[in-house]
Amino acid sequence: FLRESSRLLDADKSLLCASGWNELGLRHFALDETRLLRTSAFSGLGWMVSRSTWTSLLRTAWPKRPSLGFQRWVSNVAASRSLECVVPQVPRLRYAAT
């Protein structure tokens, strides 16, 4: 999934990331394994950004000691620039909360 999604990140500068996780991809509702969705939410699970996004946007601004945690920090960066993430309708990974 991420290998294929990397082309989208290179082509569409309004995308911040691709994530293999979809928090709303519930088994009874997420049926189309080929469908991708855009979201303003950043899950922080199974994600990637393009090299250009990392070097021009995130790397230089990454906090030395993030007080909010990286997930909140990346969400704030995305929201402040109106960037979105692409996620699959059916999640490509499993998450076991501890």
Protein backbone atom coordinates (compact mmCIF):
# COMPACT_ATOMS: atom_id res chain seq x y z
CA PHE A 1 0.00 0.00 0.00
CA LEU A 2 2.66 2.52 0.98
CA ARG A 3 4.79 1.84 -2.09
CA GLU A 4 1.82 2.57 -4.35
CA SER A 5 0.78 5.60 -2.30
CA SER A 6 4.21 7.18 -2.59
CA ARG A 7 3.33 8.23 -6.16
CA LEU A 8 0.34 10.16 -4.83
CA LEU A 9 2.52 12.00 -2.33
CA ASP A 10 4.94 13.04 -5.07
CA ALA A 11 2.15 14.17 -7.40
CA ASP A 12 -0.19 15.95 -4.97
CA LYS A 13 1.37 18.63 -2.79
CA SER A 14 -1.84 18.99 -0.76
CA LEU A 15 -1.09 15.58 0.79
CA LEU A 16 1.04 15.40 3.90
CA CYS A 17 1.13 11.63 4.32
CA ALA A 18 -0.14 8.19 3.46
CA SER A 19 -1.16 5.87 6.26
CA GLY A 20 -2.03 2.19 6.20
CA TRP A 21 -4.38 2.76 9.14
CA ASN A 22 -7.95 4.03 8.95
CA GLU A 23 -9.54 4.65 12.33
CA LEU A 24 -12.98 4.48 10.74
CA GLY A 25 -12.29 1.33 8.73
CA LEU A 26 -14.70 -0.82 10.69
CA ARG A 27 -15.12 -4.38 9.44
CA HIS A 28 -18.85 -4.09 8.66
CA PHE A 29 -18.58 -0.77 6.81
CA ALA A 30 -15.18 -0.84 5.09
CA LEU A 31 -15.68 -3.23 2.19
CA ASP A 32 -13.77 -1.83 -0.79
CA GLU A 33 -10.10 -2.81 -0.56
CA THR A 34 -9.23 -0.65 -3.58
CA ARG A 35 -10.78 2.61 -2.34
CA LEU A 36 -8.63 5.40 -0.93
CA LEU A 37 -9.91 8.26 1.17
CA ARG A 38 -8.54 11.70 2.02
CA THR A 39 -8.67 12.83 5.62
CA SER A 40 -7.53 15.77 7.67
CA ALA A 41 -6.90 13.41 10.60
CA PHE A 42 -3.39 12.11 11.24
CA SER A 43 -3.46 8.69 12.87
CA GLY A 44 0.23 8.33 13.66
CA LEU A 45 0.13 4.62 12.75
CA GLY A 46 1.82 3.07 9.72
CA TRP A 47 2.46 6.37 7.94
CA MET A 48 4.94 7.89 5.53
CA VAL A 49 5.70 11.26 3.99
CA SER A 50 7.59 12.09 0.82
CA ARG A 51 11.26 12.94 1.07
CA SER A 52 10.55 16.50 -0.02
CA THR A 53 7.88 16.94 2.68
CA TRP A 54 10.26 15.57 5.31
CA THR A 55 13.18 17.81 4.31
CA SER A 56 11.24 21.00 3.57
CA LEU A 57 8.50 20.87 6.20
CA LEU A 58 8.95 18.39 9.02
CA ARG A 59 12.66 17.80 9.56
CA THR A 60 13.67 21.37 10.19
CA ALA A 61 10.69 22.10 12.41
CA TRP A 62 10.62 18.79 14.34
CA PRO A 63 10.72 19.75 18.04
CA LYS A 64 13.68 18.62 20.12
CA ARG A 65 11.39 17.83 23.05
CA PRO A 66 7.80 17.72 21.86
CA SER A 67 5.49 18.42 24.77
CA LEU A 68 2.39 17.16 22.96
CA GLY A 69 3.83 14.02 21.40
CA PHE A 70 4.65 13.61 17.74
CA GLN A 71 1.10 12.66 16.68
CA ARG A 72 -0.39 15.91 17.96
CA TRP A 73 2.54 17.92 16.62
CA VAL A 74 2.23 16.47 13.08
CA SER A 75 -1.56 16.99 13.23
CA ASN A 76 -1.01 20.65 14.09
CA VAL A 77 1.46 21.09 11.21
CA ALA A 78 -1.00 19.48 8.78
CA ALA A 79 -3.94 21.57 10.00
CA SER A 80 -2.00 24.84 9.85
CA ARG A 81 -1.18 24.21 6.18
CA SER A 82 -4.48 22.56 5.15
CA LEU A 83 -2.73 19.29 4.31
CA GLU A 84 -4.42 15.91 4.28
CA CYS A 85 -3.47 12.24 4.46
CA VAL A 86 -4.57 9.45 2.19
CA VAL A 87 -5.79 6.25 3.87
CA PRO A 88 -7.31 3.02 2.59
CA GLN A 89 -10.98 2.35 3.24
CA VAL A 90 -9.96 -1.07 4.56
CA PRO A 91 -6.96 -0.73 6.93
CA ARG A 92 -3.75 -2.39 5.78
CA LEU A 93 -2.47 -3.01 9.29
CA ARG A 94 -3.80 -4.13 12.60
CA TYR A 95 -3.58 -2.15 15.80
CA ALA A 96 -3.80 -3.78 19.20
CA ALA A 97 -4.28 -1.17 21.91
CA THR A 98 -2.40 -1.96 25.08
